[in-house]
């Protein structure tokens, strides 16, 4: 977690620092990323970064958590996911595509995390924590609507739901999201087709 000096900054300033860091990590990778470049792009002194974070690793991990939280909040504004159930959340890929188009560098950064072996575990843990609150809300909404089993504990349903959907999202990123070009209608339709299959698996399971 960042230090209190960072958390006391205005949201806009925090975002400026984090986006500068994400840009540097995407451009140069974790090992070659320079704190001096991040500070310069953020318009702050190099020493300020160490007043905000213990080291570059802590900054990287927090960027992972912030990236996913920010993306979910943007998506929430488009699709109001806080009122959705687990199945509705994945039905409209267009809203996700629009958000992805707006935040390409953020998505590239989230993909890049998987290429940093020493940072995968803490980064994914941070991202999981960021999605947990949204996921629990989706599960609770689904139980209220009577569309998922009420006899299974929320935490177990959440673990199952995230395990399935996170793996599918990684698959979509790898197969369909080429960040050198825009997301085409063809790719969007392919994603929709796989979303339909995923929803069937979530609803009915793998049994014959």
Protein backbone atom coordinates (compact mmCIF):
# COMPACT_ATOMS: atom_id res chain seq x y z
CA UNK A 1 0.00 0.00 0.00
CA UNK A 2 1.16 3.58 -0.61
CA UNK A 3 2.19 5.80 2.26
CA UNK A 4 -0.18 8.28 3.90
CA UNK A 5 1.57 11.13 2.07
CA UNK A 6 0.28 9.71 -1.21
CA UNK A 7 -3.21 8.96 0.07
CA UNK A 8 -3.53 12.55 1.26
CA UNK A 9 -3.01 13.84 -2.30
CA UNK A 10 -6.04 14.89 -4.32
CA UNK A 11 -7.43 12.14 -6.57
CA UNK A 12 -6.33 14.01 -9.69
CA UNK A 13 -2.72 14.20 -8.47
CA UNK A 14 -2.72 10.53 -7.49
CA UNK A 15 -3.95 9.63 -10.97
CA UNK A 16 -1.25 11.77 -12.60
CA UNK A 17 1.48 9.94 -10.67
CA UNK A 18 0.03 6.48 -11.33
CA UNK A 19 -0.53 7.07 -15.03
CA UNK A 20 3.04 8.34 -15.34
CA UNK A 21 4.27 5.16 -13.64
CA UNK A 22 2.10 2.91 -15.82
CA UNK A 23 3.38 4.65 -18.95
CA UNK A 24 6.98 4.04 -17.85
CA UNK A 25 6.35 0.38 -16.97
CA UNK A 26 4.62 -0.28 -20.30
CA UNK A 27 7.33 1.49 -22.28
CA UNK A 28 10.41 0.06 -20.56
CA UNK A 29 9.34 -2.89 -18.41
CA UNK A 30 9.72 -3.07 -14.65
CA UNK A 31 13.50 -3.57 -14.48
CA UNK A 32 14.38 -0.76 -16.89
CA UNK A 33 11.70 1.67 -15.69
CA UNK A 34 13.24 4.72 -14.02
CA UNK A 35 11.74 6.52 -11.06
CA UNK A 36 13.26 9.75 -12.40
CA UNK A 37 11.26 9.39 -15.63
CA UNK A 38 8.06 8.73 -13.70
CA UNK A 39 8.62 11.80 -11.53
CA UNK A 40 9.42 14.00 -14.51
CA UNK A 41 6.31 12.91 -16.41
CA UNK A 42 4.18 13.42 -13.27
CA UNK A 43 5.68 16.88 -12.72
CA UNK A 44 7.10 16.11 -9.28
CA UNK A 45 10.54 15.74 -7.72
CA UNK A 46 12.15 12.29 -7.86
CA UNK A 47 12.29 12.17 -4.06
CA UNK A 48 8.52 12.58 -3.88
CA UNK A 49 8.02 9.09 -5.30
CA UNK A 50 9.83 7.65 -2.28
CA UNK A 51 7.71 9.81 -0.01
CA UNK A 52 4.66 8.16 -1.60
CA UNK A 53 5.89 4.57 -1.99
CA UNK A 54 8.49 2.42 -0.26
CA UNK A 55 10.07 1.35 -3.55
CA UNK A 56 9.39 0.74 -7.24
CA UNK A 57 7.86 -2.68 -6.56
CA UNK A 58 5.26 -1.23 -4.20
CA UNK A 59 4.44 1.40 -6.83
CA UNK A 60 4.04 -1.29 -9.50
CA UNK A 61 1.73 -3.42 -7.37
CA UNK A 62 -0.42 -0.44 -6.41
CA UNK A 63 -0.64 0.53 -10.09
CA UNK A 64 -2.10 -2.94 -10.76
CA UNK A 65 -4.79 -2.47 -8.11
CA UNK A 66 -5.57 1.09 -9.17
CA UNK A 67 -5.76 0.17 -12.86
CA UNK A 68 -8.43 -2.45 -12.36
CA UNK A 69 -10.39 -0.34 -9.87
CA UNK A 70 -10.36 2.63 -12.26
CA UNK A 71 -11.40 0.44 -15.20
CA UNK A 72 -14.28 -1.08 -13.23
CA UNK A 73 -15.46 2.36 -12.12
CA UNK A 74 -15.45 3.60 -15.73
CA UNK A 75 -17.36 0.52 -16.80
CA UNK A 76 -19.80 1.01 -13.94
CA UNK A 77 -20.67 4.47 -15.28
CA UNK A 78 -21.51 2.96 -18.66
CA UNK A 79 -23.26 -0.20 -17.54
CA UNK A 80 -24.23 0.38 -13.87
CA UNK A 81 -22.73 -2.93 -12.82
CA UNK A 82 -23.68 -2.39 -9.19
CA UNK A 83 -27.26 -3.33 -10.17
CA UNK A 84 -26.28 -6.23 -12.44
CA UNK A 85 -26.28 -9.94 -11.76
CA UNK A 86 -23.44 -12.31 -12.65
CA UNK A 87 -24.87 -13.10 -16.09
CA UNK A 88 -25.80 -9.57 -17.14
CA UNK A 89 -22.29 -8.35 -16.41
CA UNK A 90 -20.82 -10.18 -19.41
CA UNK A 91 -23.66 -9.73 -21.89
CA UNK A 92 -22.73 -6.33 -23.30
CA UNK A 93 -19.23 -6.48 -24.75
CA UNK A 94 -19.73 -3.18 -26.57
CA UNK A 95 -19.52 -1.14 -23.36
CA UNK A 96 -16.35 -3.03 -22.42
CA UNK A 97 -14.89 -2.42 -25.87
CA UNK A 98 -15.56 1.31 -25.56
CA UNK A 99 -13.86 1.42 -22.18
CA UNK A 100 -10.93 -0.64 -23.45
CA UNK A 101 -10.50 1.73 -26.40
CA UNK A 102 -10.32 4.67 -24.00
CA UNK A 103 -7.83 3.00 -21.69
CA UNK A 104 -5.54 1.03 -23.98
CA UNK A 105 -2.38 1.73 -22.00
CA UNK A 106 -4.07 0.56 -18.81
CA UNK A 107 -5.12 -2.71 -20.47
CA UNK A 108 -1.63 -3.20 -21.93
CA UNK A 109 -0.23 -2.72 -18.44
CA UNK A 110 -2.61 -5.30 -16.97
CA UNK A 111 -1.53 -7.75 -19.69
CA UNK A 112 2.12 -6.95 -19.02
CA UNK A 113 1.81 -7.98 -15.37
CA UNK A 114 1.76 -11.63 -16.45
CA UNK A 115 5.22 -11.18 -17.99
CA UNK A 116 6.83 -10.19 -14.68
CA UNK A 117 7.33 -13.50 -12.79
CA UNK A 118 8.50 -11.85 -9.57
CA UNK A 119 5.51 -9.50 -9.50
CA UNK A 120 2.67 -11.75 -10.68
CA UNK A 121 1.58 -12.97 -7.24
CA UNK A 122 1.41 -9.61 -5.41
CA UNK A 123 -0.01 -7.82 -8.45
CA UNK A 124 -2.74 -10.39 -9.06
CA UNK A 125 -3.56 -10.38 -5.34
CA UNK A 126 -3.97 -6.60 -5.50
CA UNK A 127 -6.17 -6.89 -8.60
CA UNK A 128 -8.24 -9.66 -7.01
CA UNK A 129 -8.85 -7.49 -3.96
CA UNK A 130 -10.00 -4.69 -6.28
CA UNK A 131 -12.55 -6.94 -7.99
CA UNK A 132 -13.83 -8.71 -4.88
CA UNK A 133 -16.25 -5.99 -3.81
CA UNK A 134 -17.77 -5.81 -7.29
CA UNK A 135 -17.98 -9.58 -7.48
CA UNK A 136 -19.73 -9.91 -4.12
CA UNK A 137 -22.28 -7.33 -5.20
CA UNK A 138 -22.96 -9.28 -8.40
CA UNK A 139 -23.43 -12.49 -6.40
CA UNK A 140 -25.80 -10.77 -3.94
CA UNK A 141 -27.84 -9.27 -6.79
CA UNK A 142 -28.03 -12.70 -8.41
CA UNK A 143 -29.32 -14.34 -5.23
CA UNK A 144 -31.98 -11.64 -4.83
CA UNK A 145 -33.16 -12.37 -8.36
CA UNK A 146 -33.16 -16.11 -7.65
CA UNK A 147 -30.88 -16.98 -10.57
CA UNK A 148 -28.03 -18.65 -8.64
CA UNK A 149 -28.14 -21.30 -5.93
CA UNK A 150 -29.09 -19.81 -2.57
CA UNK A 151 -27.78 -22.87 -0.70
CA UNK A 152 -24.15 -22.12 -1.57
CA UNK A 153 -22.09 -19.62 0.44
CA UNK A 154 -21.40 -16.28 -1.27
CA UNK A 155 -17.63 -16.68 -0.98
CA UNK A 156 -17.70 -20.08 -2.71
CA UNK A 157 -19.88 -18.72 -5.51
CA UNK A 158 -17.54 -15.75 -5.88
CA UNK A 159 -14.45 -17.97 -6.09
CA UNK A 160 -16.08 -20.10 -8.78
CA UNK A 161 -17.34 -17.09 -10.73
CA UNK A 162 -14.01 -15.26 -10.67
CA UNK A 163 -12.05 -18.39 -11.56
CA UNK A 164 -14.13 -18.91 -14.70
CA UNK A 165 -14.55 -15.32 -15.81
CA UNK A 166 -10.98 -14.17 -15.12
CA UNK A 167 -9.61 -17.02 -17.24
CA UNK A 168 -11.97 -16.09 -20.07
CA UNK A 169 -10.98 -12.42 -19.83
CA UNK A 170 -7.30 -13.37 -20.14
CA UNK A 171 -8.20 -15.46 -23.18
CA UNK A 172 -10.06 -12.53 -24.80
CA UNK A 173 -7.14 -10.19 -24.17
CA UNK A 174 -4.66 -12.62 -25.75
CA UNK A 175 -6.82 -13.52 -28.75
CA UNK A 176 -8.75 -10.40 -29.66
CA UNK A 177 -7.20 -7.27 -28.19
CA UNK A 178 -4.48 -6.10 -30.57
CA UNK A 179 -3.57 -2.64 -29.32
CA UNK A 180 -1.98 -1.53 -32.57
CA UNK A 181 -5.44 -1.31 -34.13
CA UNK A 182 -8.97 -0.54 -33.01
CA UNK A 183 -11.26 -3.28 -31.81
CA UNK A 184 -13.09 -4.30 -34.97
CA UNK A 185 -16.70 -5.43 -35.29
CA UNK A 186 -15.41 -8.87 -36.27
CA UNK A 187 -13.38 -9.18 -33.08
CA UNK A 188 -16.23 -7.80 -31.03
CA UNK A 189 -18.58 -10.43 -32.49
CA UNK A 190 -16.03 -13.16 -31.76
CA UNK A 191 -15.81 -12.00 -28.15
CA UNK A 192 -19.62 -11.98 -27.93
CA UNK A 193 -19.77 -15.56 -29.22
CA UNK A 194 -17.35 -16.72 -26.56
CA UNK A 195 -19.21 -14.75 -23.90
CA UNK A 196 -22.36 -16.65 -24.87
CA UNK A 197 -20.55 -19.96 -24.42
CA UNK A 198 -19.15 -18.83 -21.08
CA UNK A 199 -22.59 -17.82 -19.87
CA UNK A 200 -23.94 -21.25 -20.82
CA UNK A 201 -21.16 -22.89 -18.81
CA UNK A 202 -21.86 -20.65 -15.83
CA UNK A 203 -25.58 -21.38 -15.95
CA UNK A 204 -25.54 -25.12 -16.72
CA UNK A 205 -22.06 -26.39 -15.85
CA UNK A 206 -19.90 -28.80 -17.85
CA UNK A 207 -22.06 -31.91 -17.45
CA UNK A 208 -23.91 -33.51 -20.38
